[in-house]
Protein backbone atom coordinates (compact mmCIF):
# COMPACT_ATOMS: atom_id res chain seq x y z
CA MET A 1 -20.02 34.81 73.52
CA THR A 2 -16.15 35.85 73.06
CA GLU A 3 -15.32 39.23 72.31
CA ARG A 4 -13.80 39.65 69.06
CA GLN A 5 -10.13 41.40 69.04
CA PRO A 6 -9.34 43.90 66.83
CA SER A 7 -7.75 43.05 63.45
CA ALA A 8 -4.13 44.12 63.15
CA VAL A 9 -3.87 46.66 60.55
CA PRO A 10 -0.32 46.58 59.49
CA MET A 11 1.53 49.62 59.90
CA ALA A 12 4.19 51.26 57.18
CA SER A 13 7.76 51.81 58.36
CA PRO A 14 8.94 54.82 58.80
CA ALA A 15 10.98 55.27 55.68
CA VAL A 16 7.50 54.12 54.28
CA ARG A 17 5.76 56.51 55.65
CA ARG A 18 8.21 59.67 55.09
CA VAL A 19 8.50 58.95 51.18
CA ARG A 20 4.59 58.90 51.29
CA PHE A 21 4.83 62.36 52.51
CA LEU A 22 7.85 63.56 50.02
CA ALA A 23 5.85 62.03 47.12
CA ALA A 24 2.71 64.03 47.50
CA GLN A 25 4.38 67.03 48.28
CA ALA A 26 6.22 66.21 45.21
CA ALA A 27 2.91 65.45 43.04
CA THR A 28 1.90 68.93 44.14
CA LEU A 29 4.60 70.98 42.80
CA GLY A 30 4.02 68.69 39.43
CA THR A 31 0.65 69.58 39.42
CA THR A 32 1.72 73.20 39.71
CA THR A 33 4.23 73.51 37.44
CA ALA A 34 1.71 71.47 34.49
CA TRP A 35 -0.84 73.99 35.47
CA VAL A 36 1.73 77.17 35.42
CA LEU A 37 3.17 75.84 31.67
CA ILE A 38 -0.34 75.44 29.99
CA PRO A 39 -1.50 78.50 29.84
CA ALA A 40 1.90 80.61 30.38
CA SER A 41 3.52 79.11 27.27
CA THR A 42 -0.23 79.41 25.60
CA ILE A 43 -0.91 83.20 26.14
CA PHE A 44 3.25 83.82 25.65
CA LEU A 45 3.34 82.09 22.40
CA GLU A 46 0.20 83.45 20.90
CA ARG A 47 1.10 86.81 21.87
CA TYR A 48 4.49 86.83 21.47
CA GLY A 49 5.89 83.88 19.07
CA SER A 50 8.51 81.18 20.03
CA GLY A 51 11.44 83.98 18.67
CA ALA A 52 10.80 85.60 22.16
CA LEU A 53 11.48 82.08 24.44
CA PRO A 54 15.47 82.61 24.33
CA VAL A 55 14.66 86.01 25.97
CA THR A 56 12.64 84.26 28.61
CA TYR A 57 15.66 81.72 29.12
CA ILE A 58 17.97 84.57 30.09
CA GLY A 59 16.14 85.88 32.32
CA ALA A 60 15.31 82.80 34.18
CA ALA A 61 19.58 82.59 34.18
CA VAL A 62 19.08 85.28 36.20
CA ALA A 63 16.46 84.85 38.11
CA GLY A 64 18.00 81.23 39.06
CA ALA A 65 21.19 82.95 39.89
CA VAL A 66 19.60 85.23 42.47
CA ALA A 67 16.61 82.68 43.63
CA SER A 68 19.70 79.88 44.29
CA ALA A 69 21.62 82.81 46.30
CA ALA A 70 18.52 83.97 48.42
CA LEU A 71 18.18 79.79 49.16
CA SER A 72 21.62 79.60 50.35
CA HIS A 73 21.34 82.54 52.24
CA ALA A 74 18.05 81.75 53.98
CA THR A 75 18.61 78.22 54.79
CA ARG A 76 21.92 79.11 56.48
CA ARG A 77 19.91 80.72 58.88
CA ARG A 78 16.54 79.36 59.20
CA PRO A 79 15.08 75.48 59.05
CA LEU A 80 14.46 74.72 55.51
CA VAL A 81 11.11 74.04 56.11
CA ASP A 82 10.30 77.67 56.95
CA VAL A 83 12.56 78.85 54.00
CA ALA A 84 9.65 76.59 51.94
CA VAL A 85 6.48 78.04 54.34
CA MET A 86 7.63 81.17 52.94
CA VAL A 87 8.26 80.89 49.58
CA LEU A 88 5.00 78.92 48.55
CA ALA A 89 3.19 81.20 50.85
CA VAL A 90 4.27 83.47 48.00
CA LEU A 91 4.25 81.74 45.29
CA ALA A 92 0.72 80.92 45.84
CA ALA A 93 -0.31 84.26 46.56
CA ALA A 94 1.70 85.44 43.39
CA LEU A 95 0.04 82.91 41.08
CA LEU A 96 -4.12 83.81 41.97
CA GLY A 97 -2.22 87.21 41.33
CA SER A 98 -1.30 86.56 38.04
CA TRP A 99 -5.09 84.85 37.32
CA TRP A 100 -6.30 87.97 38.27
CA VAL A 101 -5.07 90.42 36.24
CA ILE A 102 -4.39 89.09 33.00
CA TRP A 103 -8.27 88.02 33.41
CA GLN A 104 -9.63 91.45 34.89
CA PHE A 105 -6.90 93.64 32.50
CA ASP A 106 -6.11 91.52 29.47
CA ALA A 107 -2.49 91.89 31.09
CA GLU A 108 -0.76 89.46 28.66
CA TRP A 109 2.62 90.88 29.40
CA VAL A 110 2.60 88.81 32.87
CA SER A 111 3.06 85.86 30.76
CA ILE A 112 6.47 86.57 30.29
CA GLY A 113 7.12 86.30 33.85
CA LEU A 114 5.32 83.49 34.24
CA MET A 115 7.95 81.76 31.17
CA VAL A 116 10.88 83.17 33.28
CA LEU A 117 9.54 81.01 36.18
CA VAL A 118 8.72 77.67 34.77
CA PRO A 119 12.49 76.93 34.50
CA ILE A 120 13.05 77.91 38.20
CA LEU A 121 9.61 76.19 40.11
CA VAL A 122 10.99 72.56 39.43
CA PRO A 123 13.94 73.12 40.74
CA VAL A 124 13.74 75.43 44.03
CA GLY A 125 10.35 72.92 44.61
CA PHE A 126 13.17 70.22 44.89
CA VAL A 127 15.25 71.86 46.66
CA PHE A 128 12.73 71.86 49.62
CA VAL A 129 11.64 68.29 49.05
CA VAL A 130 14.84 66.69 48.52
CA GLY A 131 16.32 68.95 51.62
CA GLN A 132 13.67 67.30 53.41
CA ALA A 133 14.53 63.50 52.36
CA GLY A 134 18.13 64.46 53.23
CA MET A 135 16.79 64.86 56.91
CA LEU A 136 14.25 62.64 56.62
CA LEU A 137 15.72 59.31 55.30
CA ASP A 138 19.38 57.95 55.64
CA VAL A 139 21.86 57.67 53.06
CA ARG A 140 20.71 54.15 51.75
CA GLU A 141 16.72 54.60 52.48
CA LEU A 142 17.20 57.81 50.27
CA LYS A 143 19.04 55.95 47.60
CA ALA A 144 16.45 52.86 47.40
CA ARG A 145 13.02 55.42 47.45
CA TYR A 146 14.03 58.49 45.73
CA GLY A 147 12.47 56.81 42.84
CA ARG A 148 9.01 57.34 44.11
CA VAL A 149 9.56 60.64 45.11
CA ILE A 150 10.48 61.67 41.24
CA ALA A 151 7.17 59.73 40.65
CA GLY A 152 5.24 61.60 42.45
CA PHE A 153 6.34 64.43 40.78
CA ALA A 154 5.66 63.20 37.40
CA LEU A 155 2.27 61.55 38.20
CA GLY A 156 1.13 64.77 39.48
CA PHE A 157 2.85 66.85 36.68
CA VAL A 158 0.91 63.96 34.38
CA THR A 159 -2.59 64.46 36.21
CA GLY A 160 -2.49 68.37 35.44
CA GLY A 161 -1.49 67.80 31.93
CA LEU A 162 -4.48 64.89 31.59
CA ALA A 163 -6.94 67.47 33.36
CA GLY A 164 -5.67 70.73 31.38
CA PRO A 165 -7.73 70.39 28.10
CA ALA A 166 -11.21 69.22 30.82
CA LEU A 167 -10.73 72.34 32.76
CA LEU A 168 -10.22 74.16 29.78
CA ALA A 169 -13.57 73.36 29.00
CA VAL A 170 -14.85 74.01 31.61
CA LEU A 171 -12.95 77.40 32.68
CA GLY A 172 -13.35 78.46 28.86
CA SER A 173 -10.14 80.40 28.98
CA SER A 174 -6.95 79.04 29.33
CA GLU A 175 -5.90 81.61 31.93
CA HIS A 176 -8.23 80.58 34.68
CA LEU A 177 -5.60 77.75 35.12
CA LEU A 178 -3.47 80.06 36.95
CA ALA A 179 -6.26 79.95 40.03
CA ALA A 180 -5.77 76.35 39.59
CA ALA A 181 -2.01 76.25 39.93
CA GLY A 182 -2.23 78.86 42.84
CA ALA A 183 -4.54 75.92 44.72
CA ALA A 184 -1.85 73.63 44.26
CA ALA A 185 0.76 75.99 45.50
CA ALA A 186 -1.36 76.12 48.28
CA GLY A 187 -1.81 72.37 48.59
CA PHE A 188 2.03 71.76 48.33
CA LEU A 189 2.12 74.62 51.27
CA LEU A 190 -0.05 72.53 53.55
CA LEU A 191 1.93 69.41 53.11
CA VAL A 192 5.45 71.13 53.94
CA VAL A 193 3.32 72.30 57.54
CA VAL A 194 2.05 69.11 58.51
CA THR A 195 4.83 67.30 57.53
CA ARG A 196 7.26 70.01 59.63
CA ARG A 197 4.18 69.04 62.54
CA THR A 198 4.36 65.27 61.88
CA PHE A 199 8.46 65.12 61.71
CA SER A 200 9.51 68.57 63.54
CA ALA A 201 12.86 66.77 65.53
CA GLU A 202 14.53 66.10 61.89
CA LEU A 203 13.28 69.23 60.18
CA SER A 204 14.19 72.02 62.77
CA VAL A 205 17.80 71.45 62.21
CA VAL A 206 19.55 74.92 60.51
CA GLU A 207 22.53 73.84 58.36
CA ALA A 208 25.88 74.55 59.48
CA GLY A 209 28.33 76.47 57.92
CA ALA A 210 31.60 76.44 57.38
CA GLY A 211 34.16 78.13 59.55
CA GLY A 212 35.14 78.32 63.27
CA ASP A 213 32.55 75.45 64.29
CA GLY A 214 34.05 72.88 63.66
CA VAL A 215 33.27 71.81 60.32
CA VAL A 216 36.05 71.34 57.19
CA PRO A 217 36.66 74.76 55.65
CA ARG A 218 34.90 74.11 52.17
CA ALA A 219 37.38 73.95 48.61
CA THR A 220 37.71 77.54 46.43
CA THR A 221 36.03 77.44 43.70
CA ARG A 222 38.87 78.20 41.52
CA SER A 223 40.51 75.37 43.37
CA LEU A 224 37.84 72.87 42.39
CA LEU A 225 38.13 73.90 38.66
CA ARG A 226 41.79 72.76 38.59
CA ASN A 227 40.53 69.25 39.85
CA ARG A 228 39.13 67.58 35.92
CA TYR A 229 36.65 65.27 37.70
CA VAL A 230 35.35 68.42 39.16
CA VAL A 231 35.41 70.25 35.42
CA LEU A 232 33.61 67.00 34.39
CA ILE A 233 30.82 66.93 36.13
CA LEU A 234 30.75 70.82 35.36
CA ALA A 235 30.37 70.12 31.91
CA PHE A 236 28.48 67.43 31.98
CA GLN A 237 25.53 69.58 33.52
CA MET A 238 25.93 72.42 31.63
CA LEU A 239 26.01 70.76 28.06
CA SER A 240 22.62 69.12 29.75
CA ALA A 241 21.31 72.30 30.57
CA VAL A 242 21.87 73.77 27.11
CA GLU A 243 20.58 70.48 25.27
CA SER A 244 17.67 70.64 27.04
CA GLN A 245 16.60 73.77 26.11
CA TRP A 246 17.38 73.87 22.44
CA LEU A 247 14.92 70.61 22.34
CA ASP A 248 12.30 72.55 24.44
CA PHE A 249 12.76 75.65 22.03
CA LEU A 250 12.13 73.53 19.48
CA VAL A 251 9.03 71.33 20.47
CA PHE A 252 7.20 75.13 21.01
CA ASP A 253 8.65 76.51 18.07
CA ARG A 254 7.30 73.98 15.71
CA ALA A 255 4.11 73.43 17.65
CA SER A 256 3.78 77.52 17.46
CA THR A 257 3.70 76.70 13.77
CA ARG A 258 1.45 73.99 13.06
CA TYR A 259 -1.18 75.10 15.67
CA THR A 260 -2.55 78.38 14.54
CA ASP A 261 -5.59 78.51 17.49
CA SER A 262 -4.81 79.31 21.14
CA GLU A 263 -7.35 75.93 22.10
CA GLU A 264 -5.41 73.98 19.41
CA LEU A 265 -2.07 74.72 20.95
CA ALA A 266 -3.05 74.64 24.98
CA THR A 267 -4.43 71.08 23.81
CA PHE A 268 -1.38 70.09 22.32
CA ILE A 269 0.83 71.47 25.37
CA SER A 270 -1.43 69.86 28.21
CA ARG A 271 -0.95 66.39 26.08
CA PHE A 272 2.65 66.34 25.74
CA THR A 273 3.03 67.34 28.94
CA ALA A 274 0.96 64.34 29.74
CA ILE A 275 2.60 61.77 27.39
CA ALA A 276 6.40 63.08 28.80
CA TYR A 277 5.22 62.82 32.21
CA GLY A 278 3.00 59.73 31.84
CA ALA A 279 6.24 57.77 30.06
CA ASP A 280 8.59 59.13 33.06
CA ILE A 281 6.28 57.54 35.20
CA ILE A 282 6.65 54.06 33.76
CA PHE A 283 10.45 53.96 33.38
CA LEU A 284 10.99 55.29 36.72
CA LEU A 285 8.54 52.31 38.44
CA VAL A 286 9.35 49.56 35.64
CA ALA A 287 13.20 49.91 34.24
CA SER A 288 14.87 52.82 35.81
CA GLY A 289 16.55 51.00 38.76
CA LEU A 290 16.60 47.40 37.45
CA LEU A 291 18.75 49.10 34.13
CA LEU A 292 20.76 51.31 36.35
CA ARG A 293 21.33 48.13 39.10
CA ARG A 294 22.40 46.33 35.83
CA PHE A 295 24.46 48.30 33.79
CA GLY A 296 25.77 50.96 36.50
CA LEU A 297 27.14 54.19 36.14
CA ARG A 298 28.26 53.83 32.90
CA TYR A 299 25.34 53.44 31.59
CA GLY A 300 23.59 55.61 33.58
CA LEU A 301 25.47 58.80 32.76
CA THR A 302 25.35 58.07 29.31
CA ALA A 303 22.15 56.54 28.27
CA ASN A 304 20.40 59.91 27.84
CA SER A 305 22.85 61.67 25.41
CA VAL A 306 23.26 58.36 23.47
CA VAL A 307 19.81 58.47 23.20
CA VAL A 308 19.09 61.84 22.59
CA LEU A 309 22.26 61.75 19.76
CA THR A 310 20.22 58.74 17.65
CA LEU A 311 16.82 60.80 17.50
CA VAL A 312 18.52 63.75 16.59
CA ALA A 313 20.49 62.32 14.07
CA THR A 314 17.18 60.61 12.70
CA LEU A 315 15.30 64.15 12.62
CA LEU A 316 18.07 65.66 10.74
CA VAL A 317 17.82 62.92 8.36
CA ALA A 318 13.96 63.19 8.29
CA SER A 319 14.30 67.14 7.48
CA ALA A 320 16.83 66.54 4.51
CA LEU A 321 14.61 64.05 2.95
CA HIS A 322 11.12 65.61 3.48
CA GLY A 323 11.45 68.47 4.86
CA ALA A 324 11.92 71.07 8.00
CA GLY A 325 8.32 71.46 8.34
CA ALA A 326 7.26 67.82 7.46
CA THR A 327 4.92 65.80 10.11
CA ILE A 328 7.71 62.75 10.63
CA VAL A 329 10.21 65.92 11.91
CA PHE A 330 7.45 67.70 14.03
CA VAL A 331 7.51 64.14 15.56
CA LEU A 332 11.37 63.16 16.40
CA VAL A 333 11.25 66.46 17.71
CA VAL A 334 8.78 65.83 20.39
CA ALA A 335 10.41 62.34 20.74
CA ALA A 336 13.79 63.54 21.17
CA ARG A 337 12.65 66.01 24.34
CA VAL A 338 10.55 63.94 26.08
CA SER A 339 13.11 60.80 25.93
CA ASP A 340 15.44 63.40 27.19
CA LEU A 341 13.09 64.39 29.81
CA VAL A 342 12.47 60.68 30.99
CA LEU A 343 16.34 59.87 30.75
CA SER A 344 17.04 62.77 32.91
CA ASP A 345 14.97 61.54 35.73
CA GLY A 346 15.27 57.65 35.14
CA THR A 347 18.87 58.05 34.78
CA SER A 348 21.71 60.94 34.63
CA ARG A 349 19.91 62.50 37.82
CA THR A 350 20.08 59.12 39.88
CA SER A 351 23.70 58.81 38.26
CA LEU A 352 24.91 62.67 38.84
CA GLY A 353 24.42 61.96 42.79
CA ALA A 354 26.92 58.83 42.91
CA ALA A 355 29.42 60.40 40.49
CA TYR A 356 29.29 63.34 43.39
CA GLN A 357 30.10 60.50 45.95
CA ALA A 358 33.50 60.11 44.71
CA LEU A 359 34.21 63.66 46.22
CA SER A 360 35.44 64.53 49.31
CA VAL A 361 33.00 65.93 51.73
CA SER A 362 34.05 69.56 51.71
CA GLN A 363 34.84 69.35 47.93
CA ARG A 364 30.94 67.93 47.18
CA LEU A 365 28.99 70.97 49.01
CA THR A 366 30.73 73.70 47.11
CA VAL A 367 30.69 71.80 43.91
CA GLN A 368 27.37 70.99 43.66
CA ALA A 369 26.26 74.63 45.20
CA SER A 370 28.36 75.90 42.52
CA ILE A 371 26.87 73.98 39.81
CA GLU A 372 23.20 73.88 40.47
CA GLY A 373 23.17 77.40 41.39
CA LEU A 374 25.29 79.06 39.47
CA ALA A 375 26.89 77.24 35.97
CA VAL A 376 23.22 75.36 35.18
CA PRO A 377 21.76 78.83 35.11
CA VAL A 378 24.73 80.31 33.22
CA ALA A 379 24.53 77.42 31.18
CA ILE A 380 20.40 78.27 30.22
CA GLY A 381 21.21 81.90 30.11
CA CYS A 382 23.84 80.95 27.18
CA SER A 383 21.61 78.68 25.21
CA GLY A 384 18.97 81.86 25.27
CA VAL A 385 21.82 84.38 23.49
CA ALA A 386 22.64 81.53 21.33
CA LEU A 387 19.26 81.40 20.27
CA LEU A 388 18.85 84.86 19.50
CA ALA A 389 21.92 84.91 17.43
CA LEU A 390 20.98 82.56 15.37
CA ARG A 391 17.25 84.51 15.19
CA ALA A 392 19.10 87.40 13.53
CA THR A 393 21.21 85.59 11.42
CA VAL A 394 19.73 82.37 9.89
CA GLY A 395 16.82 81.55 11.89
CA THR A 396 15.82 78.74 13.84
CA HIS A 397 13.07 76.98 11.23
CA GLY A 398 16.03 75.01 9.36
CA SER A 399 17.71 71.92 10.65
CA VAL A 400 20.63 74.37 11.81
CA LEU A 401 19.40 74.81 15.14
CA PRO A 402 19.18 70.63 15.50
CA ILE A 403 22.58 70.50 13.50
CA LEU A 404 23.89 72.49 16.27
CA THR A 405 22.39 70.43 19.23
CA SER A 406 24.09 67.01 17.92
CA VAL A 407 27.33 68.75 18.12
CA VAL A 408 25.98 70.15 21.41
CA VAL A 409 25.03 66.46 21.99
CA LEU A 410 28.20 64.82 20.88
CA ALA A 411 30.27 66.97 23.17
CA TRP A 412 27.82 65.75 26.53
CA VAL A 413 28.25 61.95 25.06
CA CYS A 414 32.34 61.76 25.60
CA VAL A 415 31.85 63.87 28.85
CA ALA A 416 29.69 61.75 30.11
CA VAL A 417 32.36 58.46 28.98
CA ALA A 418 34.98 60.52 30.64
CA LEU A 419 33.50 60.88 33.55
CA ALA A 420 32.35 57.31 33.91
CA ARG A 421 35.83 56.54 33.16
CA GLY A 422 36.78 58.95 35.88
CA TYR A 423 34.61 58.18 38.88
CA ARG A 424 36.78 55.11 39.89
CA VAL A 425 39.92 56.93 39.68
CA ASN A 426 38.49 59.85 42.05
CA LEU A 427 36.88 57.26 44.34
CA LEU A 428 40.18 55.10 44.68
CA VAL A 429 42.11 57.79 45.37
CA ASN A 430 39.40 59.48 48.27
CA LEU A 431 39.26 56.53 49.64
CA ARG A 432 42.80 55.79 50.36
CA HIS A 433 43.11 59.51 51.50
CA ARG A 434 40.51 59.29 54.08
CA THR A 435 38.78 62.14 52.45
CA LEU A 436 35.05 60.25 52.13
CA ASP A 437 32.91 58.32 54.99
CA VAL A 438 32.89 54.63 54.04
CA ALA A 439 29.42 54.96 55.99
CA ALA A 440 27.84 57.32 53.44
CA ILE A 441 28.87 54.88 50.27
CA THR A 442 26.23 52.99 48.94
CA LEU A 443 27.53 49.69 47.11
CA ASP A 444 24.75 49.38 44.70
CA ASP A 445 26.36 50.24 41.72
CA PRO A 446 28.53 48.13 39.76
CA GLY A 447 31.66 50.38 38.90
CA THR A 448 31.61 51.22 42.54
CA LEU A 449 31.94 47.95 43.94
CA ALA A 450 34.39 47.32 41.32
CA ALA A 451 36.24 50.18 42.92
CA ILE A 452 36.51 48.66 46.15
CA ASP A 453 37.48 45.16 44.70
CA ARG A 454 40.42 46.76 43.20
CA LEU A 455 41.50 47.78 47.08
CA ILE A 456 40.54 43.87 48.04
CA ASP A 457 42.59 42.89 45.75
CA SER A 458 45.16 44.67 46.37
CA ASP A 459 48.61 44.02 47.29
CA GLU A 460 48.87 46.69 49.87
CA PRO A 461 47.05 45.34 53.26
CA ARG A 462 46.07 48.66 54.62
CA ASP A 463 44.11 49.04 51.04
CA VAL A 464 42.22 45.21 51.55
CA ARG A 465 41.15 46.84 55.40
CA LEU A 466 39.85 50.40 53.79
CA GLY A 467 37.89 47.78 50.67
CA LEU A 468 36.80 45.73 53.95
CA ASP A 469 35.84 48.54 56.17
CA THR A 470 33.49 49.78 52.83
CA LEU A 471 32.09 46.58 52.40
CA ALA A 472 30.70 46.15 56.36
CA ALA A 473 29.78 50.15 56.40
CA ALA A 474 27.38 49.06 53.85
CA GLY A 475 26.10 46.03 54.97
CA ARG A 476 27.05 43.89 51.87
CA PRO A 477 25.49 40.45 52.05
CA ASP A 478 28.76 38.53 50.21
CA LEU A 479 30.95 40.07 52.82
CA ALA A 480 31.24 36.62 54.84
CA ASP A 481 32.49 34.91 51.59
CA ARG A 482 34.60 37.85 50.85
CA LEU A 483 36.49 37.10 54.09
CA LEU A 484 36.51 33.41 53.49
CA VAL A 485 38.68 33.54 50.73
CA LEU A 486 40.95 36.34 52.43
CA THR A 487 41.37 33.53 55.05
CA VAL A 488 43.99 31.53 52.83
CA ASP A 489 45.96 34.89 51.43
CA PRO A 490 49.47 34.45 52.13
CA ARG A 491 49.88 37.74 54.23
CA ALA A 492 49.47 36.69 57.59
CA ALA A 493 48.53 40.55 58.35
CA VAL A 494 45.45 40.06 55.93
CA ARG A 495 44.44 36.67 57.10
CA ALA A 496 44.41 37.48 60.77
CA ASP A 497 42.02 40.37 59.86
CA ALA A 498 39.69 38.76 57.70
CA LEU A 499 39.35 35.64 60.82
CA VAL A 500 38.32 38.63 62.96
CA ARG A 501 36.04 40.18 61.06
CA LEU A 502 34.31 36.40 60.19
CA ALA A 503 34.47 36.05 63.76
CA ARG A 504 32.27 38.62 64.55
CA LEU A 505 29.69 37.81 61.38
CA ASP A 506 29.48 33.97 61.39
CA PRO A 507 31.24 32.28 64.06
CA ALA A 508 30.80 28.97 62.55
CA ARG A 509 32.87 29.65 59.27
CA ALA A 510 35.12 31.71 61.04
CA SER A 511 35.88 28.48 63.50
CA ILE A 512 36.31 26.03 60.19
CA ALA A 513 38.71 28.77 58.46
CA ALA A 514 40.89 28.96 62.01
CA ARG A 515 41.57 25.13 62.07
CA ARG A 516 42.12 24.57 58.68
CA ASP A 517 44.95 27.20 58.66
CA ALA A 518 46.53 25.67 61.74
CA THR A 519 46.09 22.35 60.49
CA SER A 520 47.96 24.31 57.12
CA GLY A 521 50.45 25.81 59.26
């Protein structure tokens, strides 16, 4: 008898394996967030009402700025994963402690701190996940597979939302979900530890700071604010943060009015989160990448604001016809928030990553740190101050807040259009001044590719060379076809450069082009 050979089991590629680790981390982050949000918002709204929510936004703004500064300080001295382990250990202990205090002492005031935690939990968690992604994946792998990591977070959030009502039925009280959140945070911690041990070489790096160590000094915030393109990115992010907080407030404000029973309110919040992130998963996996590749950066930057503006305008019409408390108005409020969340993950976030690509490396680091760490928390805080002012004057239950939201979203649309236009100009300027690394530029966006085509069609031979260098670094499959066209260019320097490049890619076609050139000469 012949010995049966073991069947070969196909091994996942290194990039796929690494994405699985990151997606699993993101999933536990999503579950943790859902199981904090449901009990925290239920207890808070029942005890303090929706009118106190703006105070938590202001608290979240302060906490977010402090957390960003602390993380930036810590990651300059320790590897990111070491910082993540410490933070997640504290988070798990804090959630379990919150559960114990509320359960044993009926300390509903703890929900205030939890509501402050919710808005910063996701960005801080993604600092750890995205930071590891930057170390484990190259630029093209990150661009191609990052949607799966986001989908992992959404899947975790949906799982938490769907499991929420079932757990509430078993546990009997909403605060017990905090114990489950602490366990999920511990799972996140465990996954980070396992990832660190699996990829210890890549994840042991400490971020280098600017200064006398050979790193190009970063531009100052003041100098960057003179750059119109940077100001547009700043305005885009701040307007997006304000409208998201206001839509979030509208959902909870209207829900707390409709559902006076704590179990009904907790059930609504669970279902709302499940629906929102379920739609998020479907959009990310089915339509997001396809639409971004088909319609490019302009679509990615404007889709979110245009859709939200349409829904808010419809909401205002319905409110005028049926009254602010009508069911159709509530449904439109929920639809606007769900659309904002889905399109933020599926279009805006990815497109903003591409928009940052048009900045030089030294600018990019400062702009991202300033906007994500300071400007967005400031915008969240301003949204809370504005809500408090509205409650003290005209109130938030009528149409005034939706009208103000529509004004903010309209401004966001205008900024998004201007940012999409400025991207191509800024990219070309920085490419020509050699302040961008061509190897780090991805050309799967039609707007970026159009900018490179402008270089290749330029009258300046150095621009043509720069465009070809960028296409070569990006590994474009159509580079040989473009080079073949340039072999008949009237400029001798361009023809010669094209022939040399084509000879390296496709010697047979280069030989034909060279013979044709010699014959015509």
